C-alpha atoms as a PDB file:
ATOM      1  CA  ARG A   1     -11.755  -8.565  36.517  1.00  0.00           C
ATOM      2  CA  ARG A   2      -8.781 -10.602  38.029  1.00  0.00           C
ATOM      3  CA  PRO A   3      -9.992 -13.855  39.338  1.00  0.00           C
ATOM      4  CA  GLU A   4     -10.068 -14.433  43.049  1.00  0.00           C
ATOM      5  CA  PRO A   5      -7.164 -16.582  44.326  1.00  0.00           C
ATOM      6  CA  MET A   6      -8.105 -20.150  44.954  1.00  0.00           C
ATOM      7  CA  SER A   7      -7.040 -22.555  47.579  1.00  0.00           C
ATOM      8  CA  PRO A   8      -4.600 -25.210  46.461  1.00  0.00           C
ATOM      9  CA  LEU A   9      -5.989 -28.448  45.045  1.00  0.00           C
ATOM     10  CA  PRO A  10      -5.367 -31.762  46.480  1.00  0.00           C
ATOM     11  CA  ARG A  11      -2.372 -33.409  44.566  1.00  0.00           C
ATOM     12  CA  SER A  12      -4.537 -36.320  43.435  1.00  0.00           C
ATOM     13  CA  LEU A  13      -7.313 -34.173  42.063  1.00  0.00           C
ATOM     14  CA  PRO A  14      -5.717 -33.254  38.531  1.00  0.00           C
ATOM     15  CA  ARG A  15      -5.241 -37.066  38.093  1.00  0.00           C
ATOM     16  CA  LEU A  16      -8.824 -37.724  39.005  1.00  0.00           C
ATOM     17  CA  VAL A  17     -10.007 -34.939  36.448  1.00  0.00           C
ATOM     18  CA  ALA A  18      -7.987 -36.430  33.722  1.00  0.00           C
ATOM     19  CA  LEU A  19      -9.141 -39.889  34.162  1.00  0.00           C
ATOM     20  CA  ALA A  20     -12.772 -38.606  34.239  1.00  0.00           C
ATOM     21  CA  LEU A  21     -12.260 -36.741  30.996  1.00  0.00           C
ATOM     22  CA  LEU A  22     -10.657 -39.824  29.326  1.00  0.00           C
ATOM     23  CA  ALA A  23     -13.530 -41.847  30.532  1.00  0.00           C
ATOM     24  CA  ALA A  24     -16.205 -39.464  29.079  1.00  0.00           C
ATOM     25  CA  GLY A  25     -14.375 -39.609  25.712  1.00  0.00           C
ATOM     26  CA  ALA A  26     -12.997 -36.064  25.915  1.00  0.00           C
ATOM     27  CA  PRO A  27      -9.250 -35.288  25.223  1.00  0.00           C
ATOM     28  CA  ALA A  28      -7.069 -34.795  28.101  1.00  0.00           C
ATOM     29  CA  PRO A  29      -5.809 -31.123  28.871  1.00  0.00           C
ATOM     30  CA  GLY A  30      -2.940 -30.346  26.411  1.00  0.00           C
ATOM     31  CA  SER A  31      -3.821 -33.083  23.905  1.00  0.00           C
ATOM     32  CA  ALA A  32      -6.160 -31.030  21.760  1.00  0.00           C
ATOM     33  CA  GLN A  33      -4.722 -29.939  18.458  1.00  0.00           C
ATOM     34  CA  GLN A  34      -4.012 -26.289  17.606  1.00  0.00           C
ATOM     35  CA  PRO A  35      -7.026 -24.694  15.849  1.00  0.00           C
ATOM     36  CA  GLY A  36      -6.533 -23.824  12.256  1.00  0.00           C
ATOM     37  CA  GLN A  37      -4.543 -25.203   9.393  1.00  0.00           C
ATOM     38  CA  PRO A  38      -0.766 -24.599   8.359  1.00  0.00           C
ATOM     39  CA  VAL A  39       0.116 -22.375   5.515  1.00  0.00           C
ATOM     40  CA  HIS A  40       3.455 -22.854   3.859  1.00  0.00           C
ATOM     41  CA  GLY A  41       5.326 -21.939   0.642  1.00  0.00           C
ATOM     42  CA  THR A  42       8.314 -20.373  -1.029  1.00  0.00           C
ATOM     43  CA  VAL A  43       9.203 -16.727  -2.024  1.00  0.00           C
ATOM     44  CA  TYR A  44      11.019 -16.247  -5.263  1.00  0.00           C
ATOM     45  CA  ASP A  45      12.356 -13.330  -7.225  1.00  0.00           C
ATOM     46  CA  GLU A  46      11.392 -12.919 -10.877  1.00  0.00           C
ATOM     47  CA  ASP A  47      14.316 -15.254 -11.990  1.00  0.00           C
ATOM     48  CA  ARG A  48      12.888 -18.007  -9.586  1.00  0.00           C
ATOM     49  CA  ARG A  49      15.701 -17.537  -7.160  1.00  0.00           C
ATOM     50  CA  PRO A  50      14.747 -18.019  -3.496  1.00  0.00           C
ATOM     51  CA  VAL A  51      14.298 -14.850  -1.420  1.00  0.00           C
ATOM     52  CA  GLY A  52      15.586 -15.471   2.175  1.00  0.00           C
ATOM     53  CA  GLY A  53      14.765 -13.001   5.015  1.00  0.00           C
ATOM     54  CA  ALA A  54      11.570 -11.807   3.471  1.00  0.00           C
ATOM     55  CA  ASP A  55       8.733 -10.565   5.838  1.00  0.00           C
ATOM     56  CA  VAL A  56       5.684 -12.641   5.551  1.00  0.00           C
ATOM     57  CA  LEU A  57       2.343 -11.437   7.042  1.00  0.00           C
ATOM     58  CA  LEU A  58      -1.048 -13.478   6.913  1.00  0.00           C
ATOM     59  CA  GLY A  59      -3.960 -11.526   8.236  1.00  0.00           C
ATOM     60  CA  PRO A  60      -3.774  -9.468  11.319  1.00  0.00           C
ATOM     61  CA  SER A  61      -1.834 -11.996  13.535  1.00  0.00           C
ATOM     62  CA  HIS A  62       0.326 -14.344  11.749  1.00  0.00           C
ATOM     63  CA  ARG A  63       3.789 -13.342  10.823  1.00  0.00           C
ATOM     64  CA  THR A  64       7.128 -14.975  10.017  1.00  0.00           C
ATOM     65  CA  SER A  65      10.326 -14.754   7.814  1.00  0.00           C
ATOM     66  CA  THR A  66      11.641 -16.743   5.037  1.00  0.00           C
ATOM     67  CA  ASP A  67      14.660 -19.130   5.563  1.00  0.00           C
ATOM     68  CA  ASP A  68      17.847 -19.149   3.166  1.00  0.00           C
ATOM     69  CA  GLN A  69      15.917 -21.197   0.816  1.00  0.00           C
ATOM     70  CA  GLY A  70      12.938 -18.810   0.672  1.00  0.00           C
ATOM     71  CA  ARG A  71      10.606 -21.037   2.554  1.00  0.00           C
ATOM     72  CA  PHE A  72       8.220 -20.232   5.264  1.00  0.00           C
ATOM     73  CA  ARG A  73       5.516 -21.829   7.419  1.00  0.00           C
ATOM     74  CA  LEU A  74       2.661 -20.356   9.576  1.00  0.00           C
ATOM     75  CA  ALA A  75       0.615 -22.663  11.875  1.00  0.00           C
ATOM     76  CA  GLY A  76      -2.736 -22.409  13.250  1.00  0.00           C
ATOM     77  CA  VAL A  77      -4.324 -20.198  10.496  1.00  0.00           C
ATOM     78  CA  PRO A  78      -8.289 -20.146  10.626  1.00  0.00           C
ATOM     79  CA  GLU A  79     -10.384 -21.256   7.813  1.00  0.00           C
ATOM     80  CA  GLY A  80     -11.373 -18.489   5.203  1.00  0.00           C
ATOM     81  CA  THR A  81      -9.571 -16.126   2.871  1.00  0.00           C
ATOM     82  CA  HIS A  82      -6.793 -14.091   4.234  1.00  0.00           C
ATOM     83  CA  ILE A  83      -4.594 -11.208   2.864  1.00  0.00           C
ATOM     84  CA  MET A  84      -0.843 -12.256   2.422  1.00  0.00           C
ATOM     85  CA  VAL A  85       1.668  -9.586   2.467  1.00  0.00           C
ATOM     86  CA  VAL A  86       5.353 -10.229   1.650  1.00  0.00           C
ATOM     87  CA  ARG A  87       7.962  -7.491   1.964  1.00  0.00           C
ATOM     88  CA  MET A  88      11.702  -7.434   1.258  1.00  0.00           C
ATOM     89  CA  ILE A  89      14.109  -4.558   0.933  1.00  0.00           C
ATOM     90  CA  GLY A  90      14.850  -4.109  -2.752  1.00  0.00           C
ATOM     91  CA  PHE A  91      11.710  -5.642  -4.048  1.00  0.00           C
ATOM     92  CA  ARG A  92       8.102  -4.379  -4.504  1.00  0.00           C
ATOM     93  CA  PRO A  93       5.559  -5.552  -1.847  1.00  0.00           C
ATOM     94  CA  SER A  94       3.449  -8.477  -2.870  1.00  0.00           C
ATOM     95  CA  ARG A  95      -0.277  -8.761  -1.720  1.00  0.00           C
ATOM     96  CA  SER A  96      -2.601 -11.677  -2.560  1.00  0.00           C
ATOM     97  CA  ARG A  97      -5.600 -13.460  -1.336  1.00  0.00           C
ATOM     98  CA  VAL A  98      -4.850 -16.822   0.289  1.00  0.00           C
ATOM     99  CA  PRO A  99      -7.825 -19.213   0.813  1.00  0.00           C
ATOM    100  CA  VAL A 100      -7.438 -21.668   3.741  1.00  0.00           C
ATOM    101  CA  SER A 101      -9.589 -24.747   3.890  1.00  0.00           C
ATOM    102  CA  ALA A 102     -10.404 -26.853   6.724  1.00  0.00           C
ATOM    103  CA  GLY A 103      -8.720 -30.395   6.999  1.00  0.00           C
ATOM    104  CA  GLU A 104      -5.701 -29.717   4.668  1.00  0.00           C
ATOM    105  CA  PRO A 105      -2.680 -27.465   4.507  1.00  0.00           C
ATOM    106  CA  THR A 106      -2.140 -24.559   2.092  1.00  0.00           C
ATOM    107  CA  GLU A 107       0.862 -24.214  -0.112  1.00  0.00           C
ATOM    108  CA  VAL A 108       1.600 -21.012  -2.094  1.00  0.00           C
ATOM    109  CA  ASP A 109       4.465 -19.580  -4.069  1.00  0.00           C
ATOM    110  CA  ILE A 110       5.031 -15.919  -4.092  1.00  0.00           C
ATOM    111  CA  TYR A 111       7.130 -13.961  -6.601  1.00  0.00           C
ATOM    112  CA  LEU A 112       8.610 -10.595  -5.885  1.00  0.00           C
ATOM    113  CA  MET A 113       9.583  -7.972  -8.494  1.00  0.00           C
ATOM    114  CA  ARG A 114      12.771  -6.047  -7.931  1.00  0.00           C
ATOM    115  CA  ASP A 115      12.244  -2.358  -7.318  1.00  0.00           C
ATOM    116  CA  GLY A 116      14.529  -0.509  -9.663  1.00  0.00           C
ATOM    117  CA  GLN A 117      13.703   2.812  -8.073  1.00  0.00           C
ATOM    118  CA  GLU A 118      16.416   2.590  -5.315  1.00  0.00           C
ATOM    119  CA  LEU A 119      17.349   6.393  -5.623  1.00  0.00           C
ATOM    120  CA  PRO A 120      14.552   8.536  -3.720  1.00  0.00           C
ATOM    121  CA  VAL A 121      13.225  11.787  -5.211  1.00  0.00           C
ATOM    122  CA  LEU A 122      14.756  14.777  -3.458  1.00  0.00           C
ATOM    123  CA  VAL A 123      12.456  17.658  -2.682  1.00  0.00           C
ATOM    124  CA  VAL A 124      13.833  20.775  -0.971  1.00  0.00           C
ATOM    125  CA  GLU A 125      12.856  24.331  -0.346  1.00  0.00           C
ATOM    126  CA  GLY A 126      13.577  26.393  -3.470  1.00  0.00           C
ATOM    127  CA  ARG A 127      14.687  30.020  -3.883  1.00  0.00           C
ATOM    128  CA  ARG A 128      12.370  30.571  -6.777  1.00  0.00           C
ATOM    129  CA  THR A 129       8.428  30.326  -6.707  1.00  0.00           C
ATOM    130  CA  GLY A 130       6.507  27.290  -7.924  1.00  0.00           C
ATOM    131  CA  ILE A 131       7.751  23.787  -8.479  1.00  0.00           C
ATOM    132  CA  TYR A 132      10.880  23.326 -10.703  1.00  0.00           C
ATOM    133  CA  GLY A 133      14.000  20.983 -10.841  1.00  0.00           C
ATOM    134  CA  VAL A 134      16.030  18.509 -12.735  1.00  0.00           C
ATOM    135  CA  ILE A 135      15.234  15.139 -14.218  1.00  0.00           C
ATOM    136  CA  GLY A 136      18.064  12.607 -15.067  1.00  0.00           C
ATOM    137  CA  ASP A 137      18.553   8.895 -15.410  1.00  0.00           C
ATOM    138  CA  THR A 138      20.338   6.497 -13.134  1.00  0.00           C
ATOM    139  CA  ALA A 139      23.581   7.059 -14.957  1.00  0.00           C
ATOM    140  CA  PHE A 140      23.197  10.787 -14.081  1.00  0.00           C
ATOM    141  CA  ARG A 141      22.606  12.016 -17.617  1.00  0.00           C
ATOM    142  CA  PRO A 142      19.894  14.617 -18.124  1.00  0.00           C
ATOM    143  CA  ALA A 143      16.640  13.364 -19.251  1.00  0.00           C
ATOM    144  CA  LEU A 144      15.904  15.323 -22.419  1.00  0.00           C
ATOM    145  CA  GLY A 145      12.258  15.556 -23.548  1.00  0.00           C
ATOM    146  CA  ALA A 146      10.647  13.933 -20.460  1.00  0.00           C
ATOM    147  CA  THR A 147       7.078  14.755 -19.966  1.00  0.00           C
ATOM    148  CA  VAL A 148       6.376  16.285 -16.473  1.00  0.00           C
ATOM    149  CA  GLU A 149       2.961  16.925 -15.238  1.00  0.00           C
ATOM    150  CA  ALA A 150       2.096  18.687 -11.980  1.00  0.00           C
ATOM    151  CA  LEU A 151      -1.524  17.756 -10.994  1.00  0.00           C
ATOM    152  CA  GLY A 152      -2.896  20.542  -8.809  1.00  0.00           C
ATOM    153  CA  THR A 153      -3.755  24.248  -8.645  1.00  0.00           C
ATOM    154  CA  ARG A 154      -2.212  26.047 -11.699  1.00  0.00           C
ATOM    155  CA  GLY A 155      -0.144  23.117 -12.516  1.00  0.00           C
ATOM    156  CA  GLY A 156       0.111  21.903 -16.007  1.00  0.00           C
ATOM    157  CA  THR A 157       2.337  19.850 -18.336  1.00  0.00           C
ATOM    158  CA  THR A 158       5.769  20.545 -19.697  1.00  0.00           C
ATOM    159  CA  ARG A 159       8.888  18.945 -21.123  1.00  0.00           C
ATOM    160  CA  THR A 160      12.417  18.821 -19.735  1.00  0.00           C
ATOM    161  CA  ASP A 161      15.118  20.738 -21.719  1.00  0.00           C
ATOM    162  CA  SER A 162      18.616  19.446 -22.844  1.00  0.00           C
ATOM    163  CA  LEU A 163      19.746  19.858 -19.275  1.00  0.00           C
ATOM    164  CA  GLY A 164      16.742  17.979 -17.860  1.00  0.00           C
ATOM    165  CA  ARG A 165      15.188  21.092 -16.482  1.00  0.00           C
ATOM    166  CA  PHE A 166      11.552  21.771 -15.967  1.00  0.00           C
ATOM    167  CA  ALA A 167       9.567  24.405 -14.237  1.00  0.00           C
ATOM    168  CA  PHE A 168       5.932  25.363 -13.216  1.00  0.00           C
ATOM    169  CA  PRO A 169       6.397  28.858 -12.110  1.00  0.00           C
ATOM    170  CA  ASN A 170       2.758  29.689 -11.687  1.00  0.00           C
ATOM    171  CA  ALA A 171       1.970  26.798  -9.278  1.00  0.00           C
ATOM    172  CA  GLY A 172       0.012  28.041  -6.306  1.00  0.00           C
ATOM    173  CA  GLY A 173      -0.146  26.791  -2.750  1.00  0.00           C
ATOM    174  CA  GLY A 174      -1.450  23.284  -2.165  1.00  0.00           C
ATOM    175  CA  ASP A 175      -0.841  19.585  -2.788  1.00  0.00           C
ATOM    176  CA  TYR A 176       0.465  18.327  -6.072  1.00  0.00           C
ATOM    177  CA  LEU A 177       1.224  14.962  -7.715  1.00  0.00           C
ATOM    178  CA  VAL A 178       4.111  15.228 -10.019  1.00  0.00           C
ATOM    179  CA  ARG A 179       4.271  12.604 -12.844  1.00  0.00           C
ATOM    180  CA  ILE A 180       7.244  12.049 -14.945  1.00  0.00           C
ATOM    181  CA  THR A 181       7.196   9.820 -18.111  1.00  0.00           C
ATOM    182  CA  LEU A 182       9.785   9.135 -20.884  1.00  0.00           C
ATOM    183  CA  PRO A 183       9.727   6.300 -23.463  1.00  0.00           C
ATOM    184  CA  GLY A 184      12.120   3.530 -22.393  1.00  0.00           C
ATOM    185  CA  TYR A 185      11.862   4.375 -18.653  1.00  0.00           C
ATOM    186  CA  VAL A 186       9.778   3.611 -15.575  1.00  0.00           C
ATOM    187  CA  GLU A 187       7.279   6.231 -14.783  1.00  0.00           C
ATOM    188  CA  ARG A 188       7.735   8.138 -11.625  1.00  0.00           C
ATOM    189  CA  ARG A 189       5.189   9.841  -9.385  1.00  0.00           C
ATOM    190  CA  PHE A 190       5.673  11.815  -6.184  1.00  0.00           C
ATOM    191  CA  ALA A 191       3.680  14.191  -4.109  1.00  0.00           C
ATOM    192  CA  VAL A 192       4.784  17.746  -3.477  1.00  0.00           C
ATOM    193  CA  THR A 193       3.072  20.191  -0.928  1.00  0.00           C
ATOM    194  CA  LEU A 194       3.708  23.823  -1.836  1.00  0.00           C
ATOM    195  CA  GLU A 195       3.112  26.708   0.497  1.00  0.00           C
ATOM    196  CA  LYS A 196       1.467  29.819  -1.045  1.00  0.00           C
ATOM    197  CA  GLY A 197       4.221  32.068  -2.666  1.00  0.00           C
ATOM    198  CA  ALA A 198       6.897  29.495  -1.866  1.00  0.00           C
ATOM    199  CA  GLY A 199       9.070  27.198  -4.013  1.00  0.00           C
ATOM    200  CA  ARG A 200      10.002  23.591  -4.015  1.00  0.00           C
ATOM    201  CA  GLU A 201      12.975  22.263  -6.045  1.00  0.00           C
ATOM    202  CA  VAL A 202      12.953  18.696  -7.169  1.00  0.00           C
ATOM    203  CA  THR A 203      15.684  16.207  -8.388  1.00  0.00           C
ATOM    204  CA  ALA A 204      14.433  12.817  -9.681  1.00  0.00           C
ATOM    205  CA  LEU A 205      16.186  10.059 -11.581  1.00  0.00           C
ATOM    206  CA  LEU A 206      14.424   7.698 -13.939  1.00  0.00           C
ATOM    207  CA  THR A 207      15.100   3.905 -14.158  1.00  0.00           C
ATOM    208  CA  PRO A 208      15.511   2.131 -17.453  1.00  0.00           C
ATOM    209  CA  ALA A 209      12.303  -0.002 -18.085  1.00  0.00           C
ATOM    210  CA  PRO A 210      12.534  -3.839 -18.085  1.00  0.00           C
ATOM    211  CA  PRO A 211      11.477  -5.547 -21.248  1.00  0.00           C
ATOM    212  CA  ASP A 212       8.031  -6.562 -19.759  1.00  0.00           C
ATOM    213  CA  TYR A 213       7.210  -3.004 -18.443  1.00  0.00           C
ATOM    214  CA  ARG A 214       3.625  -1.872 -19.151  1.00  0.00           C
ATOM    215  CA  SER A 215       2.680   1.667 -19.517  1.00  0.00           C
ATOM    216  CA  THR A 216      -0.211   3.184 -17.400  1.00  0.00           C
ATOM    217  CA  PRO A 217      -3.359   1.635 -18.119  1.00  0.00           C
ATOM    218  CA  ARG A 218      -6.397   3.714 -19.641  1.00  0.00           C
ATOM    219  CA  ARG A 219      -8.356   3.446 -16.557  1.00  0.00           C
ATOM    220  CA  GLU A 220      -5.565   4.859 -14.417  1.00  0.00           C
ATOM    221  CA  GLU A 221      -5.180   7.695 -16.856  1.00  0.00           C
ATOM    222  CA  TRP A 222      -8.996   8.495 -16.331  1.00  0.00           C
ATOM    223  CA  ALA A 223      -8.321   8.099 -12.502  1.00  0.00           C
ATOM    224  CA  LEU A 224      -5.416  10.615 -12.634  1.00  0.00           C
ATOM    225  CA  ASP A 225      -7.722  13.065 -14.382  1.00  0.00           C
ATOM    226  CA  GLY A 226     -10.137  12.823 -11.417  1.00  0.00           C
ATOM    227  CA  LEU A 227      -7.320  13.305  -9.005  1.00  0.00           C
ATOM    228  CA  ARG A 228      -6.172  16.529 -10.772  1.00  0.00           C
ATOM    229  CA  ASP A 229      -9.555  17.898 -10.128  1.00  0.00           C
ATOM    230  CA  ARG A 230      -9.709  16.756  -6.540  1.00  0.00           C
ATOM    231  CA  LEU A 231      -6.208  18.481  -5.794  1.00  0.00           C
ATOM    232  CA  VAL A 232      -7.636  21.674  -7.226  1.00  0.00           C
ATOM    233  CA  TRP A 233     -11.121  21.966  -5.968  1.00  0.00           C
ATOM    234  CA  MET A 234     -11.127  19.800  -2.712  1.00  0.00           C
ATOM    235  CA  THR A 235      -9.774  20.721   0.670  1.00  0.00           C
ATOM    236  CA  SER A 236      -6.759  18.615   2.113  1.00  0.00           C
ATOM    237  CA  ARG A 237      -8.814  17.621   5.157  1.00  0.00           C
ATOM    238  CA  HIS A 238      -9.180  14.012   3.973  1.00  0.00           C
ATOM    239  CA  ARG A 239      -5.793  13.373   2.233  1.00  0.00           C
ATOM    240  CA  LEU A 240      -2.154  13.093   3.461  1.00  0.00           C
ATOM    241  CA  THR A 241       0.903  13.410   1.148  1.00  0.00           C
ATOM    242  CA  ARG A 242       4.273  11.726   1.299  1.00  0.00           C
ATOM    243  CA  GLU A 243       5.774  14.560   3.326  1.00  0.00           C
ATOM    244  CA  GLU A 244       2.852  14.136   5.952  1.00  0.00           C
ATOM    245  CA  LEU A 245       3.050  10.373   6.039  1.00  0.00           C
ATOM    246  CA  VAL A 246       6.668  10.313   6.893  1.00  0.00           C
ATOM    247  CA  ARG A 247       5.863  11.165  10.518  1.00  0.00           C
ATOM    248  CA  TYR A 248       4.103   7.822  10.735  1.00  0.00           C
ATOM    249  CA  GLY A 249       7.055   5.734   9.587  1.00  0.00           C
ATOM    250  CA  SER A 250       6.179   2.127   8.897  1.00  0.00           C
ATOM    251  CA  LEU A 251       2.847   2.188  10.779  1.00  0.00           C
ATOM    252  CA  PRO A 252      -0.055   0.314   9.012  1.00  0.00           C
ATOM    253  CA  LEU A 253      -2.616   2.758   7.511  1.00  0.00           C
ATOM    254  CA  CYS A 254      -5.254   0.938   9.531  1.00  0.00           C
ATOM    255  CA  GLU A 255      -3.858   2.394  12.738  1.00  0.00           C
ATOM    256  CA  LEU A 256      -4.166   6.020  11.634  1.00  0.00           C
ATOM    257  CA  ALA A 257      -7.217   7.166  13.662  1.00  0.00           C
ATOM    258  CA  MET A 258      -7.970  10.087  11.414  1.00  0.00           C
ATOM    259  CA  ILE A 259      -8.570   7.688   8.520  1.00  0.00           C
ATOM    260  CA  ARG A 260     -10.218   4.836  10.285  1.00  0.00           C
ATOM    261  CA  GLY A 261     -12.659   7.176  12.024  1.00  0.00           C
ATOM    262  CA  VAL A 262     -14.045   8.212   8.663  1.00  0.00           C
ATOM    263  CA  THR A 263     -13.784   5.038   6.551  1.00  0.00           C
ATOM    264  CA  GLY A 264     -14.554   2.416   9.190  1.00  0.00           C
ATOM    265  CA  ASP A 265     -12.846  -1.067   9.379  1.00  0.00           C
ATOM    266  CA  ALA A 266     -13.656  -2.248   5.871  1.00  0.00           C
ATOM    267  CA  PRO A 267     -13.646   0.478   3.304  1.00  0.00           C
ATOM    268  CA  THR A 268     -13.405  -0.027  -0.312  1.00  0.00           C
ATOM    269  CA  VAL A 269      -9.727   0.280  -1.249  1.00  0.00           C
ATOM    270  CA  ILE A 270      -8.720   1.816  -4.650  1.00  0.00           C
ATOM    271  CA  VAL A 271      -5.284   1.253  -5.492  1.00  0.00           C
ATOM    272  CA  ASN A 272      -3.587   3.888  -7.963  1.00  0.00           C
ATOM    273  CA  GLY A 273      -7.137   4.789  -9.105  1.00  0.00           C
ATOM    274  CA  ASP A 274      -7.334   1.564 -11.149  1.00  0.00           C
ATOM    275  CA  VAL A 275      -7.718  -1.628  -8.971  1.00  0.00           C
ATOM    276  CA  ILE A 276     -10.715  -1.691  -6.755  1.00  0.00           C
ATOM    277  CA  LEU A 277     -10.543  -3.973  -3.711  1.00  0.00           C
ATOM    278  CA  ARG A 278     -13.455  -4.887  -1.658  1.00  0.00           C
ATOM    279  CA  GLY A 279     -13.151  -6.787   1.614  1.00  0.00           C
ATOM    280  CA  TRP A 280      -9.450  -6.148   2.019  1.00  0.00           C
ATOM    281  CA  THR A 281      -8.085  -4.784   5.162  1.00  0.00           C
ATOM    282  CA  PHE A 282      -6.090  -1.669   4.558  1.00  0.00           C
ATOM    283  CA  CYS A 283      -3.580  -2.858   7.353  1.00  0.00           C
ATOM    284  CA  ALA A 284      -1.868  -4.458   4.268  1.00  0.00           C
ATOM    285  CA  TRP A 285      -0.312  -1.050   3.494  1.00  0.00           C
ATOM    286  CA  ARG A 286       2.095   1.080   5.556  1.00  0.00           C
ATOM    287  CA  ALA A 287       2.483   4.820   5.606  1.00  0.00           C
ATOM    288  CA  ASP A 288       5.974   4.556   4.153  1.00  0.00           C
ATOM    289  CA  GLU A 289       4.675   2.807   0.989  1.00  0.00           C
ATOM    290  CA  ILE A 290       2.297   5.515   0.081  1.00  0.00           C
ATOM    291  CA  GLU A 291       2.872   8.666  -1.895  1.00  0.00           C
ATOM    292  CA  LEU A 292      -0.587  10.081  -1.486  1.00  0.00           C
ATOM    293  CA  VAL A 293      -3.736   8.685   0.376  1.00  0.00           C
ATOM    294  CA  GLU A 294      -7.264  10.178   0.088  1.00  0.00           C
ATOM    295  CA  TRP A 295     -10.373   8.970   2.040  1.00  0.00           C
ATOM    296  CA  GLY A 296     -14.002   9.678   2.712  1.00  0.00           C
ATOM    297  CA  GLU A 297     -17.251   8.233   3.897  1.00  0.00           C
ATOM    298  CA  ASN A 298     -18.438   7.251   0.267  1.00  0.00           C
ATOM    299  CA  GLY A 299     -17.358   7.265  -3.359  1.00  0.00           C
ATOM    300  CA  CYS A 300     -18.991   7.164  -6.818  1.00  0.00           C
ATOM    301  CA  ALA A 301     -18.439   4.533  -9.348  1.00  0.00           C
ATOM    302  CA  ASP A 302     -18.921   4.986 -13.103  1.00  0.00           C
ATOM    303  CA  ARG A 303     -20.324   2.368 -15.495  1.00  0.00           C
ATOM    304  CA  SER A 304     -16.930   0.750 -15.927  1.00  0.00           C
ATOM    305  CA  GLY A 305     -16.436   0.122 -12.148  1.00  0.00           C
ATOM    306  CA  SER A 306     -13.644   2.680 -11.936  1.00  0.00           C
ATOM    307  CA  ILE A 307     -14.083   5.317  -9.115  1.00  0.00           C
ATOM    308  CA  THR A 308     -13.443   8.497 -10.959  1.00  0.00           C
ATOM    309  CA  ARG A 309     -15.073  11.108  -8.884  1.00  0.00           C
ATOM    310  CA  ILE A 310     -14.364  10.809  -4.994  1.00  0.00           C
ATOM    311  CA  THR A 311     -16.828  13.246  -3.622  1.00  0.00           C
ATOM    312  CA  GLY A 312     -19.839  12.523  -1.526  1.00  0.00           C
ATOM    313  CA  ASP A 313     -21.998  15.278  -2.776  1.00  0.00           C
ATOM    314  CA  ALA A 314     -21.759  14.137  -6.416  1.00  0.00           C
ATOM    315  CA  CYS A 315     -23.046  10.721  -5.694  1.00  0.00           C
ATOM    316  CA  THR A 316     -26.568   9.690  -6.157  1.00  0.00           C
ATOM    317  CA  ARG A 317     -28.553   7.580  -3.760  1.00  0.00           C
ATOM    318  CA  ARG A 318     -28.406   4.569  -6.206  1.00  0.00           C
ATOM    319  CA  ASN A 319     -24.572   4.492  -6.339  1.00  0.00           C
ATOM    320  CA  ARG A 320     -23.607   5.813  -2.931  1.00  0.00           C
ATOM    321  CA  GLY A 321     -21.149   3.278  -1.359  1.00  0.00           C
ATOM    322  CA  PRO A 322     -19.274   2.443   1.798  1.00  0.00           C
ATOM    323  CA  GLY A 323     -16.275   4.270   3.087  1.00  0.00           C
ATOM    324  CA  PHE A 324     -13.412   4.514   0.689  1.00  0.00           C
ATOM    325  CA  LEU A 325      -9.618   4.666   0.652  1.00  0.00           C
ATOM    326  CA  VAL A 326      -7.596   5.857  -2.512  1.00  0.00           C
ATOM    327  CA  LEU A 327      -4.006   4.761  -2.237  1.00  0.00           C
ATOM    328  CA  TRP A 328      -1.359   6.243  -4.683  1.00  0.00           C
ATOM    329  CA  GLU A 329       1.684   3.955  -4.241  1.00  0.00           C
ATOM    330  CA  ARG A 330       5.203   5.220  -4.434  1.00  0.00           C
ATOM    331  CA  ARG A 331       6.680   4.830  -7.901  1.00  0.00           C
END
């Protein structure tokens, strides 16, 4: 309720109040220090050059940008461990835990990796049925012998021909995750939604892999096998593909009511089926950074800790967990 208006105070009263507070040993109004501690640092690229103009977010309410020297400063950060997200066009987003202690400032250095996949995948309506298209490299040469997998109903695995072409003519209606691998190039993944009896034509370009590029970890390969089964057997009620997420623009995932209403505020977050994060807010991811998102009320973990089967009725009472969110990031 809005407070009732009060009659004006005598002009001498504020001074009397201030004197009384000082006499009692209390700080005068306006003299109290801002709660929390400062967090400052520098954002670099992989060659240790400062990155200016990067967007820095810490927790749900602290936000700033780096200056020309890549430096930033956030004031009044409460004690505890917070999630720091750093974004800059042309770089992959960075997410890390930042512990803030009482009584001393926190200094961090953040390194951003350049995103070599600057050319987006083009998916359009096709005149043929199924999923088909052409794969090339960033020099616009056909990618001969690239392995193309279509995870979904009647998908499969094939290789591109001398013109970079591939086809899955028997692919039925539903959601697919198309995966492209070729030695010497960065792996690409993208989601495709196919209507029954329709066709989707795909054009994708592969980026040469940097010297330190790592192939897909074994646990992530296992997780992709689990995703293949879910795309075939589970309904699409609790997942969204890139084509559906585009309507939400850069909105944080935690603001999507359809997800939050099922998972709650603190679900277990599984990134690319391999990295399991507990206690992270999924506000750290935006809709335009995700290729495919799955969610549910609980998940099942195997003995290695990987969540390989995301289906409530397959869980036992012993390993049933909290709400979960599976994020397949854009690649």
